[in-house]
Amino acid sequence: QVQLVESGGGLVQTGGSLRLTCEASERQIVFTNMAWYRQAHGKEREFVAVISRDGTTIYGESVKGRFTISRENTRNTAYLHMNSLKPEDTAVYYCNIPSADAWGQGTQVTVSL
């Protein structure tokens, strides 16, 4: 079963930027969609973005225009570039491969005022 490892989370001030990385353990992920979700404390998991194998992207309304999802198939890796961060972006961010129902362990992003 494919394993996903997220990294890049941390503490940032409002208006700042972070880049999250998701590394997959198997080469097969190049043939499938990769997605990011997030879950704030006490709230349900929320869709953030998805990228297809050919680079087509879809974003959640709350991050559209601020976040960019990308992938590097040669490295079995997906990225989430987050700009203009707001306190409401504070959450644990998870990488997901929908076709494999695979999830990473999550990485915490905290945006301070």
N, C-alpha and C. Protein backbone atom coordinates (compact mmCIF):
# COMPACT_ATOMS: atom_id res chain seq x y z
N GLN A 1 0.85 -1.18 0.00
CA GLN A 1 0.00 0.00 0.00
C GLN A 1 0.89 1.24 0.00
N VAL A 2 0.48 2.21 -0.83
CA VAL A 2 1.28 3.43 -0.93
C VAL A 2 1.26 4.17 0.39
N GLN A 3 2.39 4.74 0.75
CA GLN A 3 2.50 5.55 1.97
C GLN A 3 2.82 6.99 1.57
N LEU A 4 2.24 7.93 2.30
CA LEU A 4 2.42 9.34 2.02
C LEU A 4 3.01 10.03 3.24
N VAL A 5 3.97 10.90 3.01
CA VAL A 5 4.61 11.63 4.10
C VAL A 5 4.57 13.12 3.77
N GLU A 6 3.90 13.88 4.64
CA GLU A 6 3.83 15.33 4.47
C GLU A 6 4.93 16.01 5.27
N SER A 7 5.35 17.16 4.81
CA SER A 7 6.30 17.99 5.54
C SER A 7 6.11 19.44 5.12
N GLY A 8 6.75 20.34 5.88
CA GLY A 8 6.72 21.75 5.50
C GLY A 8 5.81 22.62 6.33
N GLY A 9 5.05 22.02 7.24
CA GLY A 9 4.19 22.83 8.08
C GLY A 9 4.99 23.63 9.09
N GLY A 10 4.30 24.53 9.80
CA GLY A 10 4.97 25.33 10.80
C GLY A 10 4.14 26.51 11.22
N LEU A 11 4.77 27.43 11.90
CA LEU A 11 4.12 28.65 12.39
C LEU A 11 4.52 29.82 11.49
N VAL A 12 3.51 30.57 11.05
CA VAL A 12 3.77 31.70 10.16
C VAL A 12 2.82 32.82 10.52
N GLN A 13 3.22 34.04 10.26
CA GLN A 13 2.36 35.19 10.54
C GLN A 13 1.34 35.39 9.43
N THR A 14 0.28 36.08 9.74
CA THR A 14 -0.73 36.43 8.74
C THR A 14 -0.07 37.12 7.55
N GLY A 15 -0.44 36.66 6.35
CA GLY A 15 0.13 37.21 5.13
C GLY A 15 1.35 36.48 4.64
N GLY A 16 1.86 35.56 5.44
CA GLY A 16 3.04 34.82 5.08
C GLY A 16 2.77 33.66 4.14
N SER A 17 3.81 32.90 3.85
CA SER A 17 3.74 31.80 2.91
C SER A 17 4.40 30.55 3.47
N LEU A 18 3.92 29.42 3.01
CA LEU A 18 4.53 28.13 3.31
C LEU A 18 4.39 27.24 2.10
N ARG A 19 5.28 26.25 2.01
CA ARG A 19 5.13 25.24 0.98
C ARG A 19 5.13 23.87 1.66
N LEU A 20 4.04 23.15 1.44
CA LEU A 20 3.94 21.79 1.95
C LEU A 20 4.38 20.80 0.88
N THR A 21 4.96 19.69 1.33
CA THR A 21 5.42 18.65 0.43
C THR A 21 4.80 17.32 0.83
N CYS A 22 4.40 16.55 -0.17
CA CYS A 22 3.86 15.21 0.04
C CYS A 22 4.68 14.24 -0.81
N GLU A 23 5.36 13.33 -0.16
CA GLU A 23 6.15 12.32 -0.87
C GLU A 23 5.46 10.98 -0.79
N ALA A 24 5.31 10.33 -1.94
CA ALA A 24 4.67 9.01 -2.00
C ALA A 24 5.72 7.92 -2.13
N SER A 25 5.40 6.78 -1.58
CA SER A 25 6.37 5.69 -1.54
C SER A 25 6.42 4.88 -2.83
N GLU A 26 5.42 5.06 -3.71
CA GLU A 26 5.36 4.22 -4.89
C GLU A 26 5.30 5.06 -6.16
N ARG A 27 5.93 4.54 -7.20
CA ARG A 27 6.01 5.22 -8.48
C ARG A 27 4.64 5.32 -9.16
N GLN A 28 3.72 4.43 -8.79
CA GLN A 28 2.42 4.37 -9.47
C GLN A 28 1.60 5.63 -9.31
N ILE A 29 1.95 6.49 -8.34
CA ILE A 29 1.15 7.67 -8.12
C ILE A 29 1.19 8.63 -9.29
N VAL A 30 2.14 8.46 -10.17
CA VAL A 30 2.19 9.36 -11.32
C VAL A 30 0.98 9.19 -12.21
N PHE A 31 0.26 8.09 -12.06
CA PHE A 31 -0.89 7.82 -12.91
C PHE A 31 -2.21 8.21 -12.28
N THR A 32 -2.18 8.92 -11.20
CA THR A 32 -3.41 9.18 -10.48
C THR A 32 -3.46 10.60 -9.92
N ASN A 33 -4.67 10.98 -9.47
CA ASN A 33 -4.83 12.29 -8.84
C ASN A 33 -4.17 12.31 -7.46
N MET A 34 -3.73 13.51 -7.07
CA MET A 34 -3.24 13.73 -5.71
C MET A 34 -3.95 14.95 -5.15
N ALA A 35 -4.27 14.90 -3.86
CA ALA A 35 -5.09 15.95 -3.27
C ALA A 35 -4.55 16.37 -1.91
N TRP A 36 -4.99 17.55 -1.50
CA TRP A 36 -4.73 18.06 -0.16
C TRP A 36 -6.06 18.36 0.52
N TYR A 37 -6.14 18.00 1.79
CA TYR A 37 -7.26 18.32 2.65
C TYR A 37 -6.71 18.97 3.91
N ARG A 38 -7.59 19.57 4.67
CA ARG A 38 -7.16 20.12 5.97
C ARG A 38 -8.28 19.93 6.99
N GLN A 39 -7.87 19.90 8.24
CA GLN A 39 -8.84 19.76 9.32
C GLN A 39 -8.44 20.67 10.47
N ALA A 40 -9.28 21.64 10.73
CA ALA A 40 -9.06 22.53 11.86
C ALA A 40 -9.63 21.88 13.12
N HIS A 41 -9.12 22.32 14.25
CA HIS A 41 -9.53 21.73 15.52
C HIS A 41 -11.04 21.87 15.71
N GLY A 42 -11.70 20.75 15.94
CA GLY A 42 -13.13 20.77 16.19
C GLY A 42 -13.99 20.88 14.96
N LYS A 43 -13.38 20.81 13.79
CA LYS A 43 -14.13 20.94 12.53
C LYS A 43 -13.93 19.70 11.66
N GLU A 44 -14.79 19.57 10.65
CA GLU A 44 -14.68 18.45 9.72
C GLU A 44 -13.53 18.68 8.74
N ARG A 45 -13.05 17.57 8.18
CA ARG A 45 -12.00 17.66 7.18
C ARG A 45 -12.54 18.40 5.96
N GLU A 46 -11.72 19.28 5.40
CA GLU A 46 -12.13 20.16 4.30
C GLU A 46 -11.24 19.95 3.08
N PHE A 47 -11.84 19.88 1.91
CA PHE A 47 -11.09 19.77 0.66
C PHE A 47 -10.34 21.07 0.39
N VAL A 48 -9.07 20.94 -0.01
CA VAL A 48 -8.26 22.11 -0.31
C VAL A 48 -7.97 22.19 -1.81
N ALA A 49 -7.41 21.12 -2.37
CA ALA A 49 -7.04 21.15 -3.78
C ALA A 49 -6.76 19.75 -4.27
N VAL A 50 -6.86 19.57 -5.59
CA VAL A 50 -6.52 18.30 -6.23
C VAL A 50 -5.84 18.59 -7.55
N ILE A 51 -4.92 17.71 -7.93
CA ILE A 51 -4.23 17.82 -9.22
C ILE A 51 -4.26 16.47 -9.90
N SER A 52 -4.60 16.47 -11.18
CA SER A 52 -4.63 15.23 -11.95
C SER A 52 -3.24 14.91 -12.47
N ARG A 53 -3.12 13.74 -13.09
CA ARG A 53 -1.81 13.33 -13.59
C ARG A 53 -1.32 14.25 -14.71
N ASP A 54 -2.25 14.90 -15.42
CA ASP A 54 -1.82 15.80 -16.49
C ASP A 54 -1.75 17.26 -16.04
N GLY A 55 -1.95 17.50 -14.73
CA GLY A 55 -1.77 18.84 -14.19
C GLY A 55 -3.02 19.67 -14.06
N THR A 56 -4.16 19.12 -14.36
CA THR A 56 -5.42 19.86 -14.15
C THR A 56 -5.67 20.02 -12.66
N THR A 57 -6.08 21.22 -12.25
CA THR A 57 -6.25 21.50 -10.83
C THR A 57 -7.65 22.00 -10.50
N ILE A 58 -8.08 21.70 -9.29
CA ILE A 58 -9.33 22.20 -8.73
C ILE A 58 -9.04 22.63 -7.30
N TYR A 59 -9.65 23.76 -6.89
CA TYR A 59 -9.40 24.30 -5.56
C TYR A 59 -10.70 24.50 -4.79
N GLY A 60 -10.58 24.41 -3.47
CA GLY A 60 -11.69 24.77 -2.62
C GLY A 60 -11.88 26.28 -2.65
N GLU A 61 -13.09 26.71 -2.43
CA GLU A 61 -13.40 28.14 -2.53
C GLU A 61 -12.60 28.99 -1.56
N SER A 62 -12.34 28.48 -0.40
CA SER A 62 -11.67 29.27 0.64
C SER A 62 -10.19 29.51 0.35
N VAL A 63 -9.61 28.76 -0.57
CA VAL A 63 -8.17 28.92 -0.84
C VAL A 63 -7.90 29.38 -2.28
N LYS A 64 -8.94 29.46 -3.08
CA LYS A 64 -8.77 29.81 -4.49
C LYS A 64 -8.09 31.17 -4.62
N GLY A 65 -7.06 31.22 -5.46
CA GLY A 65 -6.33 32.47 -5.68
C GLY A 65 -5.17 32.68 -4.72
N ARG A 66 -5.11 31.87 -3.66
CA ARG A 66 -4.02 32.01 -2.68
C ARG A 66 -3.12 30.78 -2.64
N PHE A 67 -3.69 29.61 -2.86
CA PHE A 67 -2.94 28.36 -2.82
C PHE A 67 -2.74 27.82 -4.23
N THR A 68 -1.62 27.12 -4.42
CA THR A 68 -1.34 26.47 -5.71
C THR A 68 -0.85 25.06 -5.44
N ILE A 69 -1.50 24.10 -6.09
CA ILE A 69 -1.06 22.71 -6.00
C ILE A 69 -0.24 22.38 -7.24
N SER A 70 0.82 21.62 -7.04
CA SER A 70 1.66 21.21 -8.16
C SER A 70 2.19 19.81 -7.87
N ARG A 71 2.82 19.21 -8.86
CA ARG A 71 3.38 17.88 -8.66
C ARG A 71 4.65 17.72 -9.48
N GLU A 72 5.47 16.81 -9.01
CA GLU A 72 6.72 16.48 -9.70
C GLU A 72 6.76 14.97 -9.79
N ASN A 73 6.27 14.44 -10.89
CA ASN A 73 6.10 13.00 -11.02
C ASN A 73 7.40 12.23 -10.92
N THR A 74 8.51 12.81 -11.39
CA THR A 74 9.79 12.11 -11.33
C THR A 74 10.23 11.86 -9.90
N ARG A 75 9.67 12.62 -8.96
CA ARG A 75 10.02 12.47 -7.55
C ARG A 75 8.86 11.93 -6.72
N ASN A 76 7.79 11.48 -7.37
CA ASN A 76 6.61 10.96 -6.66
C ASN A 76 6.12 11.96 -5.61
N THR A 77 6.11 13.23 -5.96
CA THR A 77 5.88 14.28 -4.98
C THR A 77 4.83 15.28 -5.45
N ALA A 78 4.02 15.74 -4.49
CA ALA A 78 3.08 16.83 -4.72
C ALA A 78 3.39 17.95 -3.74
N TYR A 79 3.03 19.15 -4.14
CA TYR A 79 3.30 20.32 -3.31
C TYR A 79 2.02 21.15 -3.13
N LEU A 80 2.00 21.89 -2.05
CA LEU A 80 0.94 22.88 -1.85
C LEU A 80 1.62 24.20 -1.47
N HIS A 81 1.59 25.14 -2.39
CA HIS A 81 2.16 26.45 -2.14
C HIS A 81 1.06 27.34 -1.57
N MET A 82 1.29 27.85 -0.39
CA MET A 82 0.26 28.62 0.30
C MET A 82 0.76 30.06 0.50
N ASN A 83 0.03 31.00 -0.07
CA ASN A 83 0.37 32.42 0.05
C ASN A 83 -0.76 33.16 0.74
N SER A 84 -0.45 34.38 1.19
CA SER A 84 -1.45 35.24 1.84
C SER A 84 -2.20 34.48 2.92
N LEU A 85 -1.48 33.81 3.76
CA LEU A 85 -2.10 32.96 4.78
C LEU A 85 -2.87 33.78 5.80
N LYS A 86 -3.97 33.18 6.26
CA LYS A 86 -4.86 33.81 7.23
C LYS A 86 -4.97 32.92 8.47
N PRO A 87 -5.36 33.49 9.59
CA PRO A 87 -5.53 32.65 10.78
C PRO A 87 -6.51 31.50 10.55
N GLU A 88 -7.51 31.70 9.72
CA GLU A 88 -8.48 30.63 9.46
C GLU A 88 -7.90 29.50 8.61
N ASP A 89 -6.68 29.65 8.11
CA ASP A 89 -6.01 28.56 7.41
C ASP A 89 -5.33 27.60 8.39
N THR A 90 -5.33 27.95 9.67
CA THR A 90 -4.73 27.09 10.68
C THR A 90 -5.44 25.75 10.71
N ALA A 91 -4.67 24.67 10.55
CA ALA A 91 -5.24 23.32 10.48
C ALA A 91 -4.12 22.31 10.34
N VAL A 92 -4.49 21.05 10.45
CA VAL A 92 -3.59 19.97 10.05
C VAL A 92 -3.89 19.68 8.58
N TYR A 93 -2.86 19.67 7.77
CA TYR A 93 -2.99 19.47 6.34
C TYR A 93 -2.58 18.04 5.99
N TYR A 94 -3.44 17.38 5.22
CA TYR A 94 -3.23 15.99 4.86
C TYR A 94 -3.11 15.83 3.35
N CYS A 95 -2.20 14.98 2.94
CA CYS A 95 -2.08 14.57 1.56
C CYS A 95 -2.93 13.33 1.34
N ASN A 96 -3.50 13.22 0.15
CA ASN A 96 -4.41 12.11 -0.14
C ASN A 96 -4.27 11.64 -1.58
N ILE A 97 -4.34 10.34 -1.79
CA ILE A 97 -4.49 9.76 -3.12
C ILE A 97 -5.86 9.10 -3.15
N PRO A 98 -6.83 9.74 -3.80
CA PRO A 98 -8.21 9.24 -3.73
C PRO A 98 -8.37 7.80 -4.22
N SER A 99 -7.70 7.44 -5.30
CA SER A 99 -7.90 6.11 -5.88
C SER A 99 -7.41 5.00 -4.98
N ALA A 100 -6.46 5.32 -4.10
CA ALA A 100 -5.91 4.32 -3.19
C ALA A 100 -6.43 4.49 -1.78
N ASP A 101 -7.27 5.49 -1.57
CA ASP A 101 -7.73 5.85 -0.22
C ASP A 101 -6.55 5.93 0.74
N ALA A 102 -5.48 6.56 0.28
CA ALA A 102 -4.26 6.68 1.08
C ALA A 102 -4.18 8.09 1.66
N TRP A 103 -3.77 8.17 2.92
CA TRP A 103 -3.64 9.44 3.63
C TRP A 103 -2.29 9.49 4.32
N GLY A 104 -1.73 10.68 4.38
CA GLY A 104 -0.53 10.88 5.17
C GLY A 104 -0.88 11.13 6.62
N GLN A 105 0.15 11.35 7.43
CA GLN A 105 -0.06 11.55 8.87
C GLN A 105 -0.45 12.99 9.19
N GLY A 106 -0.29 13.88 8.24
CA GLY A 106 -0.65 15.28 8.43
C GLY A 106 0.51 16.13 8.89
N THR A 107 0.44 17.41 8.56
CA THR A 107 1.43 18.39 9.02
C THR A 107 0.68 19.64 9.50
N GLN A 108 1.07 20.14 10.66
CA GLN A 108 0.37 21.26 11.27
C GLN A 108 0.80 22.58 10.66
N VAL A 109 -0.18 23.39 10.30
CA VAL A 109 0.06 24.76 9.85
C VAL A 109 -0.66 25.69 10.82
N THR A 110 0.07 26.62 11.39
CA THR A 110 -0.52 27.59 12.32
C THR A 110 -0.20 28.99 11.83
N VAL A 111 -1.24 29.79 11.67
CA VAL A 111 -1.09 31.16 11.20
C VAL A 111 -1.46 32.10 12.34
N SER A 112 -0.50 32.89 12.77
CA SER A 112 -0.74 33.80 13.90
C SER A 112 -1.17 35.17 13.40
N LEU A 113 -1.79 35.92 14.29
CA LEU A 113 -2.27 37.26 13.92
C LEU A 113 -1.10 38.22 13.73
